[in-house]
Amino acid sequence: MKIGVIADTHIPDRAKEIPKEILEAFKKVDMVIHAGDLVDLSVLEKLKSVCANVKAVCGNMDPAEIRTVLSEKEIIRIGNYKIGVMHGYGAPQRLVNLVYEAFKNEAVNVIIFAHSHYPFNEKRQGILYFNPGSATDKIFSPYNSYGIIEINDKIEAKVIRI
């Protein structure tokens, strides 16, 4: 299974739309996961126009309209693997600890998070922590990015700069 991962789109505040390069890439995935801070529900519809299987959580900047549709935390099962998804909040340097605490009793293999707008792809104590960075905002990173996670007999993840 190939999963496209996107976060911190902040549409229409930081950009008018999802970058075309990401939409093209997501035409070739089996699932898209948005890790929060969509800001407008149209983001989900746009993602569904290129991949029918879209999962998402709300972020700290998402308005009530989105918070009523999306939860703050999700667990997605893919074969024998469990993926925890949570946007995160607070100080960026505490995000890995925050999401670890949120999923520590869930036996997840991967935790997808966001909030910092800075990509992160690191395995710690058997759990892959993955932040795709921001697709549209460069306030905390010198580049925009998204992610691809491939799950077969193992899990491989990469951050893609745009």
N, C-alpha and C. Protein backbone atom coordinates (compact mmCIF):
# COMPACT_ATOMS: atom_id res chain seq x y z
N MET A 1 0.84 -1.18 0.00
CA MET A 1 0.00 0.00 0.00
C MET A 1 0.88 1.24 0.00
N LYS A 2 0.48 2.21 -0.80
CA LYS A 2 1.20 3.48 -0.89
C LYS A 2 0.29 4.58 -0.36
N ILE A 3 0.81 5.36 0.60
CA ILE A 3 0.03 6.39 1.28
C ILE A 3 0.68 7.75 1.05
N GLY A 4 -0.12 8.71 0.60
CA GLY A 4 0.32 10.09 0.51
C GLY A 4 0.01 10.79 1.82
N VAL A 5 0.97 11.53 2.35
CA VAL A 5 0.78 12.21 3.64
C VAL A 5 0.99 13.71 3.44
N ILE A 6 0.02 14.47 3.93
CA ILE A 6 0.04 15.92 3.78
C ILE A 6 -0.43 16.54 5.09
N ALA A 7 0.01 17.76 5.36
CA ALA A 7 -0.41 18.43 6.60
C ALA A 7 -0.21 19.93 6.46
N ASP A 8 -0.77 20.64 7.41
CA ASP A 8 -0.56 22.08 7.53
C ASP A 8 -0.75 22.82 6.20
N THR A 9 -1.86 22.54 5.54
CA THR A 9 -2.14 23.21 4.27
C THR A 9 -2.63 24.64 4.49
N HIS A 10 -3.35 24.89 5.58
CA HIS A 10 -3.80 26.24 5.93
C HIS A 10 -4.42 26.98 4.74
N ILE A 11 -5.31 26.30 4.03
CA ILE A 11 -5.97 26.90 2.87
C ILE A 11 -7.28 27.52 3.32
N PRO A 12 -7.57 28.77 3.02
CA PRO A 12 -6.90 29.67 2.08
C PRO A 12 -5.94 30.66 2.74
N ASP A 13 -5.60 30.48 4.01
CA ASP A 13 -4.76 31.47 4.72
C ASP A 13 -3.34 31.56 4.17
N ARG A 14 -2.69 30.42 3.93
CA ARG A 14 -1.28 30.42 3.52
C ARG A 14 -1.11 30.15 2.03
N ALA A 15 -2.14 29.59 1.40
CA ALA A 15 -2.11 29.33 -0.04
C ALA A 15 -3.54 29.21 -0.53
N LYS A 16 -3.72 29.41 -1.83
CA LYS A 16 -5.07 29.31 -2.40
C LYS A 16 -5.48 27.86 -2.62
N GLU A 17 -4.50 26.99 -2.88
CA GLU A 17 -4.81 25.60 -3.17
C GLU A 17 -3.63 24.69 -2.88
N ILE A 18 -3.91 23.41 -2.88
CA ILE A 18 -2.85 22.41 -2.71
C ILE A 18 -1.95 22.46 -3.95
N PRO A 19 -0.64 22.45 -3.76
CA PRO A 19 0.26 22.47 -4.92
C PRO A 19 -0.05 21.34 -5.90
N LYS A 20 -0.04 21.68 -7.19
CA LYS A 20 -0.37 20.71 -8.25
C LYS A 20 0.54 19.48 -8.21
N GLU A 21 1.80 19.67 -7.87
CA GLU A 21 2.75 18.55 -7.80
C GLU A 21 2.27 17.49 -6.80
N ILE A 22 1.72 17.94 -5.70
CA ILE A 22 1.21 17.00 -4.69
C ILE A 22 -0.03 16.29 -5.21
N LEU A 23 -0.94 17.01 -5.82
CA LEU A 23 -2.15 16.39 -6.35
C LEU A 23 -1.80 15.34 -7.41
N GLU A 24 -0.83 15.65 -8.26
CA GLU A 24 -0.39 14.67 -9.27
C GLU A 24 0.18 13.42 -8.61
N ALA A 25 1.02 13.60 -7.61
CA ALA A 25 1.62 12.46 -6.91
C ALA A 25 0.55 11.62 -6.22
N PHE A 26 -0.47 12.27 -5.66
CA PHE A 26 -1.51 11.56 -4.93
C PHE A 26 -2.47 10.81 -5.83
N LYS A 27 -2.40 11.02 -7.13
CA LYS A 27 -3.18 10.21 -8.08
C LYS A 27 -2.65 8.79 -8.12
N LYS A 28 -1.42 8.59 -7.63
CA LYS A 28 -0.75 7.28 -7.71
C LYS A 28 -0.68 6.58 -6.35
N VAL A 29 -1.48 7.03 -5.37
CA VAL A 29 -1.45 6.41 -4.04
C VAL A 29 -2.78 5.70 -3.77
N ASP A 30 -2.75 4.80 -2.79
CA ASP A 30 -3.95 4.05 -2.40
C ASP A 30 -4.75 4.76 -1.32
N MET A 31 -4.10 5.66 -0.61
CA MET A 31 -4.74 6.39 0.49
C MET A 31 -4.01 7.71 0.68
N VAL A 32 -4.76 8.73 1.12
CA VAL A 32 -4.16 10.00 1.51
C VAL A 32 -4.52 10.24 2.97
N ILE A 33 -3.52 10.66 3.74
CA ILE A 33 -3.74 11.04 5.14
C ILE A 33 -3.36 12.51 5.30
N HIS A 34 -4.31 13.30 5.79
CA HIS A 34 -4.05 14.72 6.09
C HIS A 34 -3.95 14.83 7.61
N ALA A 35 -2.82 15.31 8.11
CA ALA A 35 -2.57 15.36 9.55
C ALA A 35 -2.97 16.69 10.19
N GLY A 36 -3.96 17.35 9.64
CA GLY A 36 -4.55 18.51 10.30
C GLY A 36 -4.07 19.87 9.87
N ASP A 37 -4.84 20.87 10.30
CA ASP A 37 -4.72 22.26 9.88
C ASP A 37 -5.03 22.40 8.39
N LEU A 38 -6.18 21.84 8.03
CA LEU A 38 -6.72 22.03 6.68
C LEU A 38 -7.15 23.49 6.54
N VAL A 39 -7.87 23.98 7.56
CA VAL A 39 -8.47 25.30 7.72
C VAL A 39 -9.78 25.43 6.93
N ASP A 40 -9.89 24.79 5.77
CA ASP A 40 -11.13 24.81 5.00
C ASP A 40 -11.46 23.39 4.55
N LEU A 41 -12.74 23.00 4.66
CA LEU A 41 -13.16 21.65 4.29
C LEU A 41 -12.97 21.35 2.80
N SER A 42 -12.85 22.37 1.98
CA SER A 42 -12.64 22.15 0.55
C SER A 42 -11.36 21.36 0.29
N VAL A 43 -10.42 21.41 1.23
CA VAL A 43 -9.17 20.65 1.10
C VAL A 43 -9.46 19.16 1.01
N LEU A 44 -10.37 18.67 1.84
CA LEU A 44 -10.74 17.24 1.79
C LEU A 44 -11.34 16.87 0.44
N GLU A 45 -12.22 17.72 -0.07
CA GLU A 45 -12.85 17.44 -1.36
C GLU A 45 -11.82 17.42 -2.48
N LYS A 46 -10.88 18.34 -2.43
CA LYS A 46 -9.83 18.38 -3.45
C LYS A 46 -8.99 17.11 -3.40
N LEU A 47 -8.64 16.66 -2.19
CA LEU A 47 -7.86 15.42 -2.06
C LEU A 47 -8.66 14.23 -2.56
N LYS A 48 -9.96 14.20 -2.26
CA LYS A 48 -10.81 13.09 -2.71
C LYS A 48 -10.98 13.08 -4.22
N SER A 49 -10.74 14.20 -4.87
CA SER A 49 -10.84 14.24 -6.33
C SER A 49 -9.68 13.51 -7.01
N VAL A 50 -8.59 13.29 -6.27
CA VAL A 50 -7.44 12.56 -6.84
C VAL A 50 -7.25 11.19 -6.22
N CYS A 51 -7.83 10.95 -5.03
CA CYS A 51 -7.75 9.65 -4.34
C CYS A 51 -9.01 9.50 -3.49
N ALA A 52 -9.79 8.49 -3.78
CA ALA A 52 -11.08 8.33 -3.08
C ALA A 52 -10.92 8.03 -1.59
N ASN A 53 -9.80 7.42 -1.22
CA ASN A 53 -9.58 6.98 0.16
C ASN A 53 -8.78 8.03 0.93
N VAL A 54 -9.50 8.97 1.58
CA VAL A 54 -8.85 10.06 2.31
C VAL A 54 -9.22 9.98 3.78
N LYS A 55 -8.21 10.02 4.65
CA LYS A 55 -8.39 10.06 6.10
C LYS A 55 -7.79 11.37 6.60
N ALA A 56 -8.34 11.91 7.67
CA ALA A 56 -7.82 13.18 8.18
C ALA A 56 -8.17 13.36 9.64
N VAL A 57 -7.38 14.18 10.31
CA VAL A 57 -7.66 14.62 11.67
C VAL A 57 -7.67 16.15 11.67
N CYS A 58 -8.28 16.72 12.69
CA CYS A 58 -8.28 18.18 12.79
C CYS A 58 -7.00 18.64 13.51
N GLY A 59 -6.66 19.89 13.25
CA GLY A 59 -5.50 20.50 13.89
C GLY A 59 -5.91 21.68 14.74
N ASN A 60 -4.94 22.26 15.40
CA ASN A 60 -5.22 23.36 16.33
C ASN A 60 -5.75 24.62 15.65
N MET A 61 -5.50 24.79 14.38
CA MET A 61 -5.97 25.97 13.66
C MET A 61 -7.26 25.72 12.88
N ASP A 62 -7.78 24.51 12.95
CA ASP A 62 -9.02 24.20 12.24
C ASP A 62 -10.23 24.75 12.98
N PRO A 63 -11.15 25.38 12.24
CA PRO A 63 -12.34 25.96 12.87
C PRO A 63 -13.35 24.89 13.30
N ALA A 64 -14.36 25.32 14.02
CA ALA A 64 -15.40 24.41 14.55
C ALA A 64 -16.04 23.58 13.45
N GLU A 65 -16.21 24.15 12.28
CA GLU A 65 -16.81 23.44 11.15
C GLU A 65 -16.04 22.15 10.83
N ILE A 66 -14.72 22.20 10.95
CA ILE A 66 -13.89 21.02 10.69
C ILE A 66 -13.84 20.12 11.91
N ARG A 67 -13.79 20.70 13.09
CA ARG A 67 -13.72 19.91 14.33
C ARG A 67 -14.97 19.05 14.55
N THR A 68 -16.10 19.44 13.96
CA THR A 68 -17.31 18.63 14.09
C THR A 68 -17.29 17.44 13.14
N VAL A 69 -16.46 17.51 12.11
CA VAL A 69 -16.37 16.44 11.10
C VAL A 69 -15.19 15.50 11.36
N LEU A 70 -14.09 16.04 11.86
CA LEU A 70 -12.86 15.26 12.06
C LEU A 70 -12.50 15.20 13.54
N SER A 71 -11.93 14.08 13.95
CA SER A 71 -11.48 13.95 15.34
C SER A 71 -10.02 14.42 15.46
N GLU A 72 -9.57 14.55 16.70
CA GLU A 72 -8.18 14.98 16.94
C GLU A 72 -7.18 13.85 16.79
N LYS A 73 -7.66 12.63 16.89
CA LYS A 73 -6.77 11.46 16.91
C LYS A 73 -7.46 10.31 16.18
N GLU A 74 -6.71 9.60 15.36
CA GLU A 74 -7.24 8.44 14.63
C GLU A 74 -6.21 7.31 14.65
N ILE A 75 -6.72 6.10 14.57
CA ILE A 75 -5.86 4.94 14.35
C ILE A 75 -6.35 4.25 13.10
N ILE A 76 -5.44 4.06 12.16
CA ILE A 76 -5.77 3.44 10.88
C ILE A 76 -5.05 2.09 10.82
N ARG A 77 -5.80 1.05 10.53
CA ARG A 77 -5.21 -0.30 10.40
C ARG A 77 -4.98 -0.61 8.93
N ILE A 78 -3.77 -1.05 8.64
CA ILE A 78 -3.41 -1.47 7.29
C ILE A 78 -2.69 -2.80 7.42
N GLY A 79 -3.38 -3.88 7.07
CA GLY A 79 -2.81 -5.21 7.25
C GLY A 79 -2.52 -5.45 8.71
N ASN A 80 -1.29 -5.82 9.01
CA ASN A 80 -0.87 -6.07 10.40
C ASN A 80 -0.34 -4.82 11.09
N TYR A 81 -0.42 -3.68 10.43
CA TYR A 81 0.15 -2.45 10.97
C TYR A 81 -0.94 -1.50 11.46
N LYS A 82 -0.56 -0.70 12.46
CA LYS A 82 -1.44 0.34 12.99
C LYS A 82 -0.72 1.69 12.89
N ILE A 83 -1.44 2.66 12.32
CA ILE A 83 -0.90 4.01 12.16
C ILE A 83 -1.72 4.95 13.03
N GLY A 84 -1.05 5.64 13.92
CA GLY A 84 -1.70 6.67 14.72
C GLY A 84 -1.53 8.01 14.02
N VAL A 85 -2.59 8.79 13.99
CA VAL A 85 -2.53 10.11 13.35
C VAL A 85 -3.06 11.15 14.33
N MET A 86 -2.26 12.19 14.54
CA MET A 86 -2.65 13.29 15.43
C MET A 86 -1.87 14.53 15.01
N HIS A 87 -2.53 15.67 14.95
CA HIS A 87 -1.85 16.89 14.51
C HIS A 87 -0.77 17.32 15.50
N GLY A 88 -1.13 17.42 16.76
CA GLY A 88 -0.21 17.91 17.78
C GLY A 88 -0.46 19.37 18.08
N TYR A 89 0.17 19.85 19.14
CA TYR A 89 0.01 21.24 19.57
C TYR A 89 1.16 21.58 20.52
N GLY A 90 1.31 22.86 20.79
CA GLY A 90 2.33 23.29 21.73
C GLY A 90 3.70 23.43 21.10
N ALA A 91 4.72 23.38 21.95
CA ALA A 91 6.10 23.61 21.52
C ALA A 91 6.56 22.51 20.55
N PRO A 92 7.12 22.90 19.41
CA PRO A 92 7.56 21.92 18.42
C PRO A 92 8.55 20.88 18.96
N GLN A 93 9.44 21.28 19.85
CA GLN A 93 10.44 20.34 20.37
C GLN A 93 9.82 19.27 21.27
N ARG A 94 8.56 19.43 21.67
CA ARG A 94 7.88 18.44 22.51
C ARG A 94 6.90 17.56 21.74
N LEU A 95 6.81 17.76 20.43
CA LEU A 95 5.81 17.04 19.65
C LEU A 95 5.96 15.52 19.68
N VAL A 96 7.18 15.03 19.52
CA VAL A 96 7.38 13.58 19.52
C VAL A 96 6.93 12.99 20.86
N ASN A 97 7.28 13.62 21.96
CA ASN A 97 6.83 13.13 23.27
C ASN A 97 5.32 13.21 23.42
N LEU A 98 4.73 14.29 22.93
CA LEU A 98 3.28 14.47 23.00
C LEU A 98 2.54 13.36 22.26
N VAL A 99 2.95 13.10 21.02
CA VAL A 99 2.24 12.07 20.25
C VAL A 99 2.55 10.67 20.77
N TYR A 100 3.76 10.46 21.29
CA TYR A 100 4.06 9.18 21.93
C TYR A 100 3.08 8.92 23.08
N GLU A 101 2.91 9.92 23.93
CA GLU A 101 2.00 9.77 25.08
C GLU A 101 0.56 9.51 24.62
N ALA A 102 0.16 10.15 23.53
CA ALA A 102 -1.21 9.99 23.03
C ALA A 102 -1.48 8.58 22.52
N PHE A 103 -0.44 7.90 22.04
CA PHE A 103 -0.62 6.57 21.44
C PHE A 103 0.11 5.45 22.18
N LYS A 104 0.67 5.71 23.36
CA LYS A 104 1.53 4.73 24.02
C LYS A 104 0.84 3.42 24.37
N ASN A 105 -0.46 3.43 24.53
CA ASN A 105 -1.19 2.20 24.86
C ASN A 105 -1.90 1.59 23.66
N GLU A 106 -1.56 2.03 22.46
CA GLU A 106 -2.26 1.61 21.25
C GLU A 106 -1.46 0.64 20.38
N ALA A 107 -0.23 0.35 20.72
CA ALA A 107 0.62 -0.57 19.94
C ALA A 107 0.71 -0.17 18.47
N VAL A 108 0.94 1.13 18.22
CA VAL A 108 1.07 1.59 16.84
C VAL A 108 2.48 1.35 16.30
N ASN A 109 2.57 1.21 14.99
CA ASN A 109 3.85 1.05 14.32
C ASN A 109 4.38 2.37 13.77
N VAL A 110 3.43 3.27 13.45
CA VAL A 110 3.75 4.57 12.87
C VAL A 110 2.90 5.62 13.58
N ILE A 111 3.50 6.78 13.83
CA ILE A 111 2.73 7.93 14.30
C ILE A 111 2.98 9.07 13.32
N ILE A 112 1.90 9.49 12.66
CA ILE A 112 1.95 10.63 11.76
C ILE A 112 1.47 11.84 12.55
N PHE A 113 2.27 12.91 12.52
CA PHE A 113 1.90 14.13 13.23
C PHE A 113 2.27 15.33 12.37
N ALA A 114 1.99 16.53 12.86
CA ALA A 114 2.25 17.74 12.08
C ALA A 114 2.57 18.89 13.03
N HIS A 115 1.94 20.01 12.83
CA HIS A 115 1.98 21.20 13.69
C HIS A 115 3.25 22.04 13.55
N SER A 116 4.41 21.44 13.49
CA SER A 116 5.66 22.20 13.46
C SER A 116 5.97 22.80 12.09
N HIS A 117 5.30 22.31 11.04
CA HIS A 117 5.56 22.72 9.66
C HIS A 117 6.96 22.28 9.21
N TYR A 118 7.60 21.45 10.00
CA TYR A 118 8.96 21.00 9.70
C TYR A 118 8.96 19.47 9.58
N PRO A 119 9.49 18.93 8.49
CA PRO A 119 9.44 17.48 8.31
C PRO A 119 10.29 16.72 9.34
N PHE A 120 9.83 15.50 9.62
CA PHE A 120 10.51 14.64 10.59
C PHE A 120 10.24 13.20 10.17
N ASN A 121 11.29 12.38 10.11
CA ASN A 121 11.16 11.00 9.66
C ASN A 121 12.19 10.18 10.42
N GLU A 122 11.78 9.64 11.57
CA GLU A 122 12.74 8.97 12.44
C GLU A 122 12.07 7.82 13.20
N LYS A 123 12.81 6.73 13.30
CA LYS A 123 12.32 5.58 14.06
C LYS A 123 12.93 5.61 15.46
N ARG A 124 12.06 5.48 16.47
CA ARG A 124 12.51 5.45 17.85
C ARG A 124 11.79 4.31 18.57
N GLN A 125 12.56 3.44 19.17
CA GLN A 125 12.02 2.32 19.94
C GLN A 125 10.95 1.56 19.17
N GLY A 126 11.24 1.31 17.89
CA GLY A 126 10.35 0.51 17.06
C GLY A 126 9.16 1.24 16.46
N ILE A 127 9.02 2.53 16.73
CA ILE A 127 7.90 3.31 16.18
C ILE A 127 8.47 4.34 15.21
N LEU A 128 7.87 4.41 14.02
CA LEU A 128 8.25 5.43 13.04
C LEU A 128 7.45 6.69 13.33
N TYR A 129 8.14 7.80 13.60
CA TYR A 129 7.52 9.10 13.80
C TYR A 129 7.69 9.87 12.49
N PHE A 130 6.56 10.31 11.92
CA PHE A 130 6.60 10.91 10.59
C PHE A 130 5.77 12.19 10.53
N ASN A 131 6.45 13.29 10.19
CA ASN A 131 5.81 14.57 9.96
C ASN A 131 6.16 14.98 8.53
N PRO A 132 5.16 15.16 7.67
CA PRO A 132 5.47 15.49 6.27
C PRO A 132 5.91 16.92 6.05
N GLY A 133 5.87 17.77 7.09
CA GLY A 133 6.13 19.19 6.91
C GLY A 133 4.89 19.87 6.36
N SER A 134 5.00 21.12 6.01
CA SER A 134 3.86 21.86 5.47
C SER A 134 3.89 21.87 3.95
N ALA A 135 2.74 21.63 3.37
CA ALA A 135 2.62 21.65 1.92
C ALA A 135 2.62 23.06 1.35
N THR A 136 2.33 24.05 2.19
CA THR A 136 2.13 25.40 1.67
C THR A 136 2.86 26.51 2.41
N ASP A 137 3.41 26.24 3.57
CA ASP A 137 3.97 27.30 4.40
C ASP A 137 5.43 27.04 4.72
N LYS A 138 6.27 28.06 4.61
CA LYS A 138 7.70 27.92 4.87
C LYS A 138 8.16 28.69 6.10
N ILE A 139 7.25 28.97 7.01
CA ILE A 139 7.63 29.80 8.16
C ILE A 139 8.70 29.13 9.03
N PHE A 140 8.66 27.80 9.16
CA PHE A 140 9.63 27.11 10.02
C PHE A 140 10.52 26.14 9.25
N SER A 141 10.43 26.15 7.94
CA SER A 141 11.21 25.24 7.11
C SER A 141 11.62 25.97 5.83
N PRO A 142 12.79 25.68 5.30
CA PRO A 142 13.22 26.37 4.08
C PRO A 142 12.51 25.87 2.81
N TYR A 143 11.67 24.84 2.94
CA TYR A 143 10.98 24.28 1.78
C TYR A 143 9.62 23.72 2.20
N ASN A 144 8.74 23.60 1.21
CA ASN A 144 7.46 22.91 1.41
C ASN A 144 7.69 21.44 1.12
N SER A 145 6.83 20.61 1.71
CA SER A 145 7.03 19.17 1.54
C SER A 145 5.74 18.40 1.81
N TYR A 146 5.78 17.14 1.41
CA TYR A 146 4.73 16.17 1.71
C TYR A 146 5.43 14.83 1.89
N GLY A 147 4.67 13.79 2.15
CA GLY A 147 5.30 12.50 2.40
C GLY A 147 4.66 11.35 1.64
N ILE A 148 5.43 10.30 1.49
CA ILE A 148 4.94 9.03 0.94
C ILE A 148 5.38 7.94 1.90
N ILE A 149 4.42 7.12 2.32
CA ILE A 149 4.71 5.95 3.14
C ILE A 149 4.29 4.73 2.35
N GLU A 150 5.20 3.76 2.24
CA GLU A 150 4.88 2.51 1.56
C GLU A 150 4.90 1.38 2.57
N ILE A 151 3.82 0.60 2.57
CA ILE A 151 3.69 -0.51 3.50
C ILE A 151 3.53 -1.79 2.70
N ASN A 152 4.49 -2.67 2.85
CA ASN A 152 4.44 -4.01 2.27
C ASN A 152 4.76 -4.96 3.41
N ASP A 153 5.86 -5.69 3.32
CA ASP A 153 6.29 -6.51 4.45
C ASP A 153 7.06 -5.67 5.46
N LYS A 154 7.35 -4.42 5.08
CA LYS A 154 7.97 -3.46 5.99
C LYS A 154 7.41 -2.07 5.68
N ILE A 155 7.78 -1.10 6.49
CA ILE A 155 7.30 0.27 6.32
C ILE A 155 8.46 1.15 5.90
N GLU A 156 8.29 1.87 4.79
CA GLU A 156 9.29 2.82 4.32
C GLU A 156 8.62 4.17 4.14
N ALA A 157 9.27 5.22 4.60
CA ALA A 157 8.69 6.56 4.51
C ALA A 157 9.71 7.54 3.98
N LYS A 158 9.24 8.50 3.20
CA LYS A 158 10.14 9.54 2.72
C LYS A 158 9.41 10.87 2.67
N VAL A 159 10.17 11.91 2.96
CA VAL A 159 9.70 13.28 2.83
C VAL A 159 10.11 13.76 1.46
N ILE A 160 9.17 14.40 0.75
CA ILE A 160 9.46 14.88 -0.59
C ILE A 160 9.38 16.41 -0.60
N ARG A 161 10.50 17.04 -0.95
CA ARG A 161 10.55 18.51 -1.04
C ARG A 161 9.90 18.96 -2.33
N ILE A 162 9.21 20.10 -2.24
CA ILE A 162 8.64 20.67 -3.47
C ILE A 162 9.10 22.11 -3.64
